[in-house]
């Protein structure tokens, strides 16, 4: 039976991406035993889910800050606006 994994959430998005990069490198090397490969795959899936949630939350925050509920379809506005506008 496989060992139970202790799931520790990443510190932040950047830490999750760095850990994911390391896992991918290890898995692509082909040097991991089967059980470690499965654990790495599972951890990678958790990290991807975490990153997806962080990015989704950021997108929602941007839409709120941009006034996405005003019927503009949530399109981002140019940062630099003309003085004549």
PDB file of N, CA and C in Angstrom:
ATOM      1  N   UNK A   1       0.849  -1.180   0.000  1.00  0.00           N
ATOM      2  CA  UNK A   1       0.000   0.000   0.000  1.00  0.00           C
ATOM      3  C   UNK A   1       0.886   1.232   0.000  1.00  0.00           C
ATOM      4  N   UNK A   2       0.486   2.283  -0.738  1.00  0.00           N
ATOM      5  CA  UNK A   2       1.271   3.510  -0.841  1.00  0.00           C
ATOM      6  C   UNK A   2       1.220   4.283   0.463  1.00  0.00           C
ATOM      7  N   UNK A   3       2.300   5.013   0.727  1.00  0.00           N
ATOM      8  CA  UNK A   3       2.366   5.841   1.922  1.00  0.00           C
ATOM      9  C   UNK A   3       1.406   7.014   1.790  1.00  0.00           C
ATOM     10  N   UNK A   4       0.822   7.413   2.911  1.00  0.00           N
ATOM     11  CA  UNK A   4      -0.043   8.593   2.908  1.00  0.00           C
ATOM     12  C   UNK A   4       0.833   9.826   2.742  1.00  0.00           C
ATOM     13  N   UNK A   5       0.415  10.719   1.871  1.00  0.00           N
ATOM     14  CA  UNK A   5       1.181  11.926   1.614  1.00  0.00           C
ATOM     15  C   UNK A   5       0.753  13.032   2.557  1.00  0.00           C
ATOM     16  N   UNK A   6       1.723  13.761   3.072  1.00  0.00           N
ATOM     17  CA  UNK A   6       1.438  14.940   3.862  1.00  0.00           C
ATOM     18  C   UNK A   6       1.363  16.104   2.891  1.00  0.00           C
ATOM     19  N   UNK A   7       0.176  16.629   2.701  1.00  0.00           N
ATOM     20  CA  UNK A   7      -0.030  17.691   1.729  1.00  0.00           C
ATOM     21  C   UNK A   7       0.217  19.028   2.414  1.00  0.00           C
ATOM     22  N   UNK A   8       1.257  19.708   1.980  1.00  0.00           N
ATOM     23  CA  UNK A   8       1.541  21.037   2.502  1.00  0.00           C
ATOM     24  C   UNK A   8       1.284  22.039   1.389  1.00  0.00           C
ATOM     25  N   UNK A   9       0.454  23.022   1.667  1.00  0.00           N
ATOM     26  CA  UNK A   9       0.168  24.013   0.626  1.00  0.00           C
ATOM     27  C   UNK A   9       1.420  24.838   0.329  1.00  0.00           C
ATOM     28  N   UNK A  10       1.575  25.262  -0.906  1.00  0.00           N
ATOM     29  CA  UNK A  10       2.722  26.101  -1.237  1.00  0.00           C
ATOM     30  C   UNK A  10       2.615  27.458  -0.546  1.00  0.00           C
ATOM     31  N   UNK A  11       3.765  28.098  -0.343  1.00  0.00           N
ATOM     32  CA  UNK A  11       3.808  29.398   0.326  1.00  0.00           C
ATOM     33  C   UNK A  11       3.105  30.464  -0.513  1.00  0.00           C
ATOM     34  N   UNK A  12       3.291  30.388  -1.836  1.00  0.00           N
ATOM     35  CA  UNK A  12       2.672  31.355  -2.734  1.00  0.00           C
ATOM     36  C   UNK A  12       2.742  30.799  -4.163  1.00  0.00           C
ATOM     37  N   UNK A  13       2.239  31.562  -5.113  1.00  0.00           N
ATOM     38  CA  UNK A  13       2.188  31.134  -6.508  1.00  0.00           C
ATOM     39  C   UNK A  13       3.589  30.828  -7.043  1.00  0.00           C
ATOM     40  N   UNK A  14       4.525  31.715  -6.770  1.00  0.00           N
ATOM     41  CA  UNK A  14       5.882  31.548  -7.282  1.00  0.00           C
ATOM     42  C   UNK A  14       6.548  30.291  -6.723  1.00  0.00           C
ATOM     43  N   UNK A  15       6.323  30.015  -5.436  1.00  0.00           N
ATOM     44  CA  UNK A  15       6.872  28.807  -4.825  1.00  0.00           C
ATOM     45  C   UNK A  15       6.251  27.557  -5.449  1.00  0.00           C
ATOM     46  N   UNK A  16       4.959  27.625  -5.733  1.00  0.00           N
ATOM     47  CA  UNK A  16       4.280  26.489  -6.365  1.00  0.00           C
ATOM     48  C   UNK A  16       4.848  26.224  -7.752  1.00  0.00           C
ATOM     49  N   UNK A  17       5.073  27.284  -8.522  1.00  0.00           N
ATOM     50  CA  UNK A  17       5.627  27.122  -9.872  1.00  0.00           C
ATOM     51  C   UNK A  17       7.048  26.565  -9.820  1.00  0.00           C
ATOM     52  N   UNK A  18       7.843  27.037  -8.865  1.00  0.00           N
ATOM     53  CA  UNK A  18       9.219  26.543  -8.733  1.00  0.00           C
ATOM     54  C   UNK A  18       9.220  25.056  -8.372  1.00  0.00           C
ATOM     55  N   UNK A  19       8.345  24.668  -7.441  1.00  0.00           N
ATOM     56  CA  UNK A  19       8.260  23.253  -7.059  1.00  0.00           C
ATOM     57  C   UNK A  19       7.780  22.413  -8.234  1.00  0.00           C
ATOM     58  N   UNK A  20       6.831  22.932  -8.975  1.00  0.00           N
ATOM     59  CA  UNK A  20       6.314  22.219 -10.143  1.00  0.00           C
ATOM     60  C   UNK A  20       7.417  22.025 -11.182  1.00  0.00           C
ATOM     61  N   UNK A  21       8.221  23.051 -11.408  1.00  0.00           N
ATOM     62  CA  UNK A  21       9.346  22.931 -12.344  1.00  0.00           C
ATOM     63  C   UNK A  21      10.320  21.834 -11.910  1.00  0.00           C
ATOM     64  N   UNK A  22      10.617  21.785 -10.606  1.00  0.00           N
ATOM     65  CA  UNK A  22      11.521  20.747 -10.100  1.00  0.00           C
ATOM     66  C   UNK A  22      10.938  19.348 -10.291  1.00  0.00           C
ATOM     67  N   UNK A  23       9.644  19.221 -10.017  1.00  0.00           N
ATOM     68  CA  UNK A  23       8.997  17.917 -10.187  1.00  0.00           C
ATOM     69  C   UNK A  23       9.036  17.470 -11.648  1.00  0.00           C
ATOM     70  N   UNK A  24       8.766  18.389 -12.548  1.00  0.00           N
ATOM     71  CA  UNK A  24       8.781  18.058 -13.976  1.00  0.00           C
ATOM     72  C   UNK A  24      10.187  17.625 -14.389  1.00  0.00           C
ATOM     73  N   UNK A  25      11.199  18.358 -13.947  1.00  0.00           N
ATOM     74  CA  UNK A  25      12.583  17.994 -14.274  1.00  0.00           C
ATOM     75  C   UNK A  25      12.915  16.588 -13.773  1.00  0.00           C
ATOM     76  N   UNK A  26      12.526  16.286 -12.532  1.00  0.00           N
ATOM     77  CA  UNK A  26      12.794  14.957 -11.970  1.00  0.00           C
ATOM     78  C   UNK A  26      12.078  13.869 -12.761  1.00  0.00           C
ATOM     79  N   UNK A  27      10.822  14.130 -13.097  1.00  0.00           N
ATOM     80  CA  UNK A  27      10.044  13.117 -13.810  1.00  0.00           C
ATOM     81  C   UNK A  27      10.575  12.918 -15.224  1.00  0.00           C
ATOM     82  N   UNK A  28      10.979  14.005 -15.874  1.00  0.00           N
ATOM     83  CA  UNK A  28      11.492  13.893 -17.233  1.00  0.00           C
ATOM     84  C   UNK A  28      12.848  13.195 -17.291  1.00  0.00           C
ATOM     85  N   UNK A  29      13.573  13.186 -16.174  1.00  0.00           N
ATOM     86  CA  UNK A  29      14.883  12.531 -16.150  1.00  0.00           C
ATOM     87  C   UNK A  29      14.750  11.018 -16.288  1.00  0.00           C
ATOM     88  N   UNK A  30      13.577  10.503 -15.916  1.00  0.00           N
ATOM     89  CA  UNK A  30      13.360   9.064 -16.002  1.00  0.00           C
ATOM     90  C   UNK A  30      14.077   8.262 -14.931  1.00  0.00           C
ATOM     91  N   UNK A  31      14.588   8.926 -13.919  1.00  0.00           N
ATOM     92  CA  UNK A  31      15.353   8.258 -12.875  1.00  0.00           C
ATOM     93  C   UNK A  31      14.555   7.950 -11.607  1.00  0.00           C
ATOM     94  N   UNK A  32      13.302   8.377 -11.562  1.00  0.00           N
ATOM     95  CA  UNK A  32      12.494   8.125 -10.369  1.00  0.00           C
ATOM     96  C   UNK A  32      11.879   6.731 -10.410  1.00  0.00           C
ATOM     97  N   UNK A  33      11.892   6.036  -9.276  1.00  0.00           N
ATOM     98  CA  UNK A  33      11.165   4.765  -9.208  1.00  0.00           C
ATOM     99  C   UNK A  33       9.662   5.021  -9.366  1.00  0.00           C
ATOM    100  N   UNK A  34       8.923   3.985  -9.673  1.00  0.00           N
ATOM    101  CA  UNK A  34       7.497   4.103  -9.958  1.00  0.00           C
ATOM    102  C   UNK A  34       6.731   4.809  -8.844  1.00  0.00           C
ATOM    103  N   UNK A  35       6.906   4.400  -7.593  1.00  0.00           N
ATOM    104  CA  UNK A  35       6.164   5.012  -6.488  1.00  0.00           C
ATOM    105  C   UNK A  35       6.470   6.498  -6.365  1.00  0.00           C
ATOM    106  N   UNK A  36       7.734   6.869  -6.530  1.00  0.00           N
ATOM    107  CA  UNK A  36       8.101   8.282  -6.456  1.00  0.00           C
ATOM    108  C   UNK A  36       7.527   9.058  -7.638  1.00  0.00           C
ATOM    109  N   UNK A  37       7.480   8.414  -8.792  1.00  0.00           N
ATOM    110  CA  UNK A  37       6.884   9.059  -9.965  1.00  0.00           C
ATOM    111  C   UNK A  37       5.403   9.320  -9.740  1.00  0.00           C
ATOM    112  N   UNK A  38       4.718   8.355  -9.165  1.00  0.00           N
ATOM    113  CA  UNK A  38       3.292   8.531  -8.882  1.00  0.00           C
ATOM    114  C   UNK A  38       3.064   9.637  -7.849  1.00  0.00           C
ATOM    115  N   UNK A  39       3.907   9.667  -6.826  1.00  0.00           N
ATOM    116  CA  UNK A  39       3.798  10.721  -5.814  1.00  0.00           C
ATOM    117  C   UNK A  39       4.088  12.086  -6.424  1.00  0.00           C
ATOM    118  N   UNK A  40       5.090  12.150  -7.282  1.00  0.00           N
ATOM    119  CA  UNK A  40       5.436  13.413  -7.945  1.00  0.00           C
ATOM    120  C   UNK A  40       4.295  13.866  -8.842  1.00  0.00           C
ATOM    121  N   UNK A  41       3.692  12.923  -9.548  1.00  0.00           N
ATOM    122  CA  UNK A  41       2.559  13.258 -10.415  1.00  0.00           C
ATOM    123  C   UNK A  41       1.400  13.803  -9.587  1.00  0.00           C
ATOM    124  N   UNK A  42       1.112  13.153  -8.463  1.00  0.00           N
ATOM    125  CA  UNK A  42       0.009  13.590  -7.602  1.00  0.00           C
ATOM    126  C   UNK A  42       0.291  14.981  -7.045  1.00  0.00           C
ATOM    127  N   UNK A  43       1.513  15.208  -6.587  1.00  0.00           N
ATOM    128  CA  UNK A  43       1.868  16.523  -6.046  1.00  0.00           C
ATOM    129  C   UNK A  43       1.781  17.578  -7.160  1.00  0.00           C
ATOM    130  N   UNK A  44       2.233  17.228  -8.349  1.00  0.00           N
ATOM    131  CA  UNK A  44       2.150  18.148  -9.472  1.00  0.00           C
ATOM    132  C   UNK A  44       0.714  18.533  -9.783  1.00  0.00           C
ATOM    133  N   UNK A  45      -0.174  17.559  -9.733  1.00  0.00           N
ATOM    134  CA  UNK A  45      -1.596  17.827  -9.978  1.00  0.00           C
ATOM    135  C   UNK A  45      -2.151  18.774  -8.917  1.00  0.00           C
ATOM    136  N   UNK A  46      -1.729  18.598  -7.664  1.00  0.00           N
ATOM    137  CA  UNK A  46      -2.176  19.486  -6.589  1.00  0.00           C
ATOM    138  C   UNK A  46      -1.649  20.903  -6.810  1.00  0.00           C
ATOM    139  N   UNK A  47      -0.387  21.006  -7.236  1.00  0.00           N
ATOM    140  CA  UNK A  47       0.207  22.318  -7.483  1.00  0.00           C
ATOM    141  C   UNK A  47      -0.473  23.031  -8.647  1.00  0.00           C
ATOM    142  N   UNK A  48      -0.806  22.282  -9.680  1.00  0.00           N
ATOM    143  CA  UNK A  48      -1.502  22.868 -10.829  1.00  0.00           C
ATOM    144  C   UNK A  48      -2.873  23.380 -10.400  1.00  0.00           C
ATOM    145  N   UNK A  49      -3.563  22.611  -9.589  1.00  0.00           N
ATOM    146  CA  UNK A  49      -4.878  23.027  -9.096  1.00  0.00           C
ATOM    147  C   UNK A  49      -4.747  24.308  -8.261  1.00  0.00           C
ATOM    148  N   UNK A  50      -3.732  24.358  -7.411  1.00  0.00           N
ATOM    149  CA  UNK A  50      -3.483  25.547  -6.589  1.00  0.00           C
ATOM    150  C   UNK A  50      -3.213  26.765  -7.479  1.00  0.00           C
ATOM    151  N   UNK A  51      -2.309  26.608  -8.448  1.00  0.00           N
ATOM    152  CA  UNK A  51      -1.950  27.714  -9.342  1.00  0.00           C
ATOM    153  C   UNK A  51      -3.154  28.180 -10.153  1.00  0.00           C
ATOM    154  N   UNK A  52      -3.952  27.244 -10.617  1.00  0.00           N
ATOM    155  CA  UNK A  52      -5.151  27.590 -11.381  1.00  0.00           C
ATOM    156  C   UNK A  52      -6.105  28.428 -10.528  1.00  0.00           C
ATOM    157  N   UNK A  53      -6.263  28.063  -9.265  1.00  0.00           N
ATOM    158  CA  UNK A  53      -7.146  28.813  -8.367  1.00  0.00           C
ATOM    159  C   UNK A  53      -6.593  30.212  -8.112  1.00  0.00           C
ATOM    160  N   UNK A  54      -5.284  30.313  -7.891  1.00  0.00           N
ATOM    161  CA  UNK A  54      -4.677  31.625  -7.652  1.00  0.00           C
ATOM    162  C   UNK A  54      -4.864  32.523  -8.871  1.00  0.00           C
ATOM    163  N   UNK A  55      -4.625  31.981 -10.063  1.00  0.00           N
ATOM    164  CA  UNK A  55      -4.784  32.767 -11.284  1.00  0.00           C
ATOM    165  C   UNK A  55      -6.242  33.156 -11.511  1.00  0.00           C
ATOM    166  N   UNK A  56      -7.157  32.247 -11.237  1.00  0.00           N
ATOM    167  CA  UNK A  56      -8.581  32.534 -11.388  1.00  0.00           C
ATOM    168  C   UNK A  56      -9.007  33.640 -10.423  1.00  0.00           C
ATOM    169  N   UNK A  57      -8.538  33.566  -9.178  1.00  0.00           N
ATOM    170  CA  UNK A  57      -8.849  34.598  -8.195  1.00  0.00           C
ATOM    171  C   UNK A  57      -8.286  35.948  -8.625  1.00  0.00           C
ATOM    172  N   UNK A  58      -7.068  35.943  -9.158  1.00  0.00           N
ATOM    173  CA  UNK A  58      -6.455  37.189  -9.619  1.00  0.00           C
ATOM    174  C   UNK A  58      -7.253  37.776 -10.778  1.00  0.00           C
ATOM    175  N   UNK A  59      -7.699  36.927 -11.680  1.00  0.00           N
ATOM    176  CA  UNK A  59      -8.495  37.404 -12.815  1.00  0.00           C
ATOM    177  C   UNK A  59      -9.800  38.037 -12.333  1.00  0.00           C
ATOM    178  N   UNK A  60     -10.428  37.424 -11.354  1.00  0.00           N
ATOM    179  CA  UNK A  60     -11.663  37.991 -10.812  1.00  0.00           C
ATOM    180  C   UNK A  60     -11.402  39.337 -10.144  1.00  0.00           C
ATOM    181  N   UNK A  61     -10.302  39.444  -9.426  1.00  0.00           N
ATOM    182  CA  UNK A  61      -9.958  40.712  -8.779  1.00  0.00           C
ATOM    183  C   UNK A  61      -9.721  41.801  -9.819  1.00  0.00           C
ATOM    184  N   UNK A  62      -9.045  41.448 -10.912  1.00  0.00           N
ATOM    185  CA  UNK A  62      -8.782  42.414 -11.976  1.00  0.00           C
ATOM    186  C   UNK A  62     -10.091  42.881 -12.586  1.00  0.00           C
ATOM    187  N   UNK A  63     -11.020  41.960 -12.812  1.00  0.00           N
ATOM    188  CA  UNK A  63     -12.308  42.339 -13.380  1.00  0.00           C
ATOM    189  C   UNK A  63     -13.063  43.274 -12.455  1.00  0.00           C
ATOM    190  N   UNK A  64     -12.992  43.020 -11.156  1.00  0.00           N
ATOM    191  CA  UNK A  64     -13.659  43.903 -10.198  1.00  0.00           C
ATOM    192  C   UNK A  64     -12.993  45.271 -10.206  1.00  0.00           C
ATOM    193  N   UNK A  65     -11.665  45.299 -10.175  1.00  0.00           N
ATOM    194  CA  UNK A  65     -10.948  46.573 -10.182  1.00  0.00           C
ATOM    195  C   UNK A  65     -11.184  47.350 -11.468  1.00  0.00           C
ATOM    196  N   UNK A  66     -11.379  46.619 -12.570  1.00  0.00           N
ATOM    197  CA  UNK A  66     -11.596  47.234 -13.872  1.00  0.00           C
ATOM    198  C   UNK A  66     -13.051  47.624 -14.078  1.00  0.00           C
ATOM    199  N   UNK A  67     -13.916  47.249 -13.153  1.00  0.00           N
ATOM    200  CA  UNK A  67     -15.338  47.549 -13.308  1.00  0.00           C
ATOM    201  C   UNK A  67     -15.984  46.625 -14.315  1.00  0.00           C
ATOM    202  N   UNK A  68     -15.568  45.360 -14.325  1.00  0.00           N
ATOM    203  CA  UNK A  68     -16.042  44.383 -15.298  1.00  0.00           C
ATOM    204  C   UNK A  68     -17.532  44.148 -15.266  1.00  0.00           C
ATOM    205  N   UNK A  69     -18.210  44.581 -14.239  1.00  0.00           N
ATOM    206  CA  UNK A  69     -19.654  44.358 -14.171  1.00  0.00           C
ATOM    207  C   UNK A  69     -20.437  45.476 -14.842  1.00  0.00           C
ATOM    208  N   UNK A  70     -19.741  46.405 -15.529  1.00  0.00           N
ATOM    209  CA  UNK A  70     -20.452  47.525 -16.146  1.00  0.00           C
ATOM    210  C   UNK A  70     -20.900  47.240 -17.573  1.00  0.00           C
ATOM    211  N   UNK A  71     -20.883  45.975 -17.979  1.00  0.00           N
ATOM    212  CA  UNK A  71     -21.357  45.629 -19.304  1.00  0.00           C
ATOM    213  C   UNK A  71     -20.273  45.651 -20.368  1.00  0.00           C
ATOM    214  N   UNK A  72     -19.037  45.927 -19.970  1.00  0.00           N
ATOM    215  CA  UNK A  72     -17.952  45.981 -20.952  1.00  0.00           C
ATOM    216  C   UNK A  72     -17.402  44.596 -21.253  1.00  0.00           C
ATOM    217  N   UNK A  73     -17.999  43.570 -20.657  1.00  0.00           N
ATOM    218  CA  UNK A  73     -17.544  42.211 -20.916  1.00  0.00           C
ATOM    219  C   UNK A  73     -16.276  41.855 -20.170  1.00  0.00           C
ATOM    220  N   UNK A  74     -15.866  42.696 -19.221  1.00  0.00           N
ATOM    221  CA  UNK A  74     -14.685  42.413 -18.434  1.00  0.00           C
ATOM    222  C   UNK A  74     -13.390  42.687 -19.170  1.00  0.00           C
ATOM    223  N   UNK A  75     -13.464  43.373 -20.316  1.00  0.00           N
ATOM    224  CA  UNK A  75     -12.247  43.671 -21.069  1.00  0.00           C
ATOM    225  C   UNK A  75     -11.405  44.666 -20.290  1.00  0.00           C
ATOM    226  N   UNK A  76     -10.112  44.461 -20.294  1.00  0.00           N
ATOM    227  CA  UNK A  76      -9.215  45.365 -19.600  1.00  0.00           C
ATOM    228  C   UNK A  76      -9.082  46.663 -20.384  1.00  0.00           C
ATOM    229  N   UNK A  77      -8.957  47.749 -19.659  1.00  0.00           N
ATOM    230  CA  UNK A  77      -8.777  49.056 -20.281  1.00  0.00           C
ATOM    231  C   UNK A  77      -7.285  49.334 -20.390  1.00  0.00           C
ATOM    232  N   UNK A  78      -6.921  50.242 -21.289  1.00  0.00           N
ATOM    233  CA  UNK A  78      -5.533  50.662 -21.386  1.00  0.00           C
ATOM    234  C   UNK A  78      -5.134  51.343 -20.091  1.00  0.00           C
ATOM    235  N   UNK A  79      -3.917  51.095 -19.657  1.00  0.00           N
ATOM    236  CA  UNK A  79      -3.434  51.705 -18.422  1.00  0.00           C
ATOM    237  C   UNK A  79      -3.257  53.206 -18.612  1.00  0.00           C
ATOM    238  N   UNK A  80      -2.663  53.613 -19.737  1.00  0.00           N
ATOM    239  CA  UNK A  80      -2.441  55.021 -20.026  1.00  0.00           C
ATOM    240  C   UNK A  80      -3.640  55.562 -20.793  1.00  0.00           C
ATOM    241  N   UNK A  81      -4.336  56.488 -20.187  1.00  0.00           N
ATOM    242  CA  UNK A  81      -5.491  57.085 -20.842  1.00  0.00           C
ATOM    243  C   UNK A  81      -5.102  58.453 -21.385  1.00  0.00           C
ATOM    244  N   UNK A  82      -5.705  58.829 -22.513  1.00  0.00           N
ATOM    245  CA  UNK A  82      -5.447  60.139 -23.095  1.00  0.00           C
ATOM    246  C   UNK A  82      -5.972  61.227 -22.166  1.00  0.00           C
ATOM    247  N   UNK A  83      -5.289  62.340 -22.113  1.00  0.00           N
ATOM    248  CA  UNK A  83      -5.700  63.454 -21.246  1.00  0.00           C
ATOM    249  C   UNK A  83      -7.000  64.065 -21.734  1.00  0.00           C
ATOM    250  N   UNK A  84      -7.322  63.905 -23.020  1.00  0.00           N
ATOM    251  CA  UNK A  84      -8.542  64.497 -23.577  1.00  0.00           C
ATOM    252  C   UNK A  84      -9.776  63.663 -23.301  1.00  0.00           C
ATOM    253  N   UNK A  85      -9.625  62.441 -22.784  1.00  0.00           N
ATOM    254  CA  UNK A  85     -10.771  61.551 -22.558  1.00  0.00           C
ATOM    255  C   UNK A  85     -11.637  62.025 -21.435  1.00  0.00           C
TER     256      UNK A  85
END
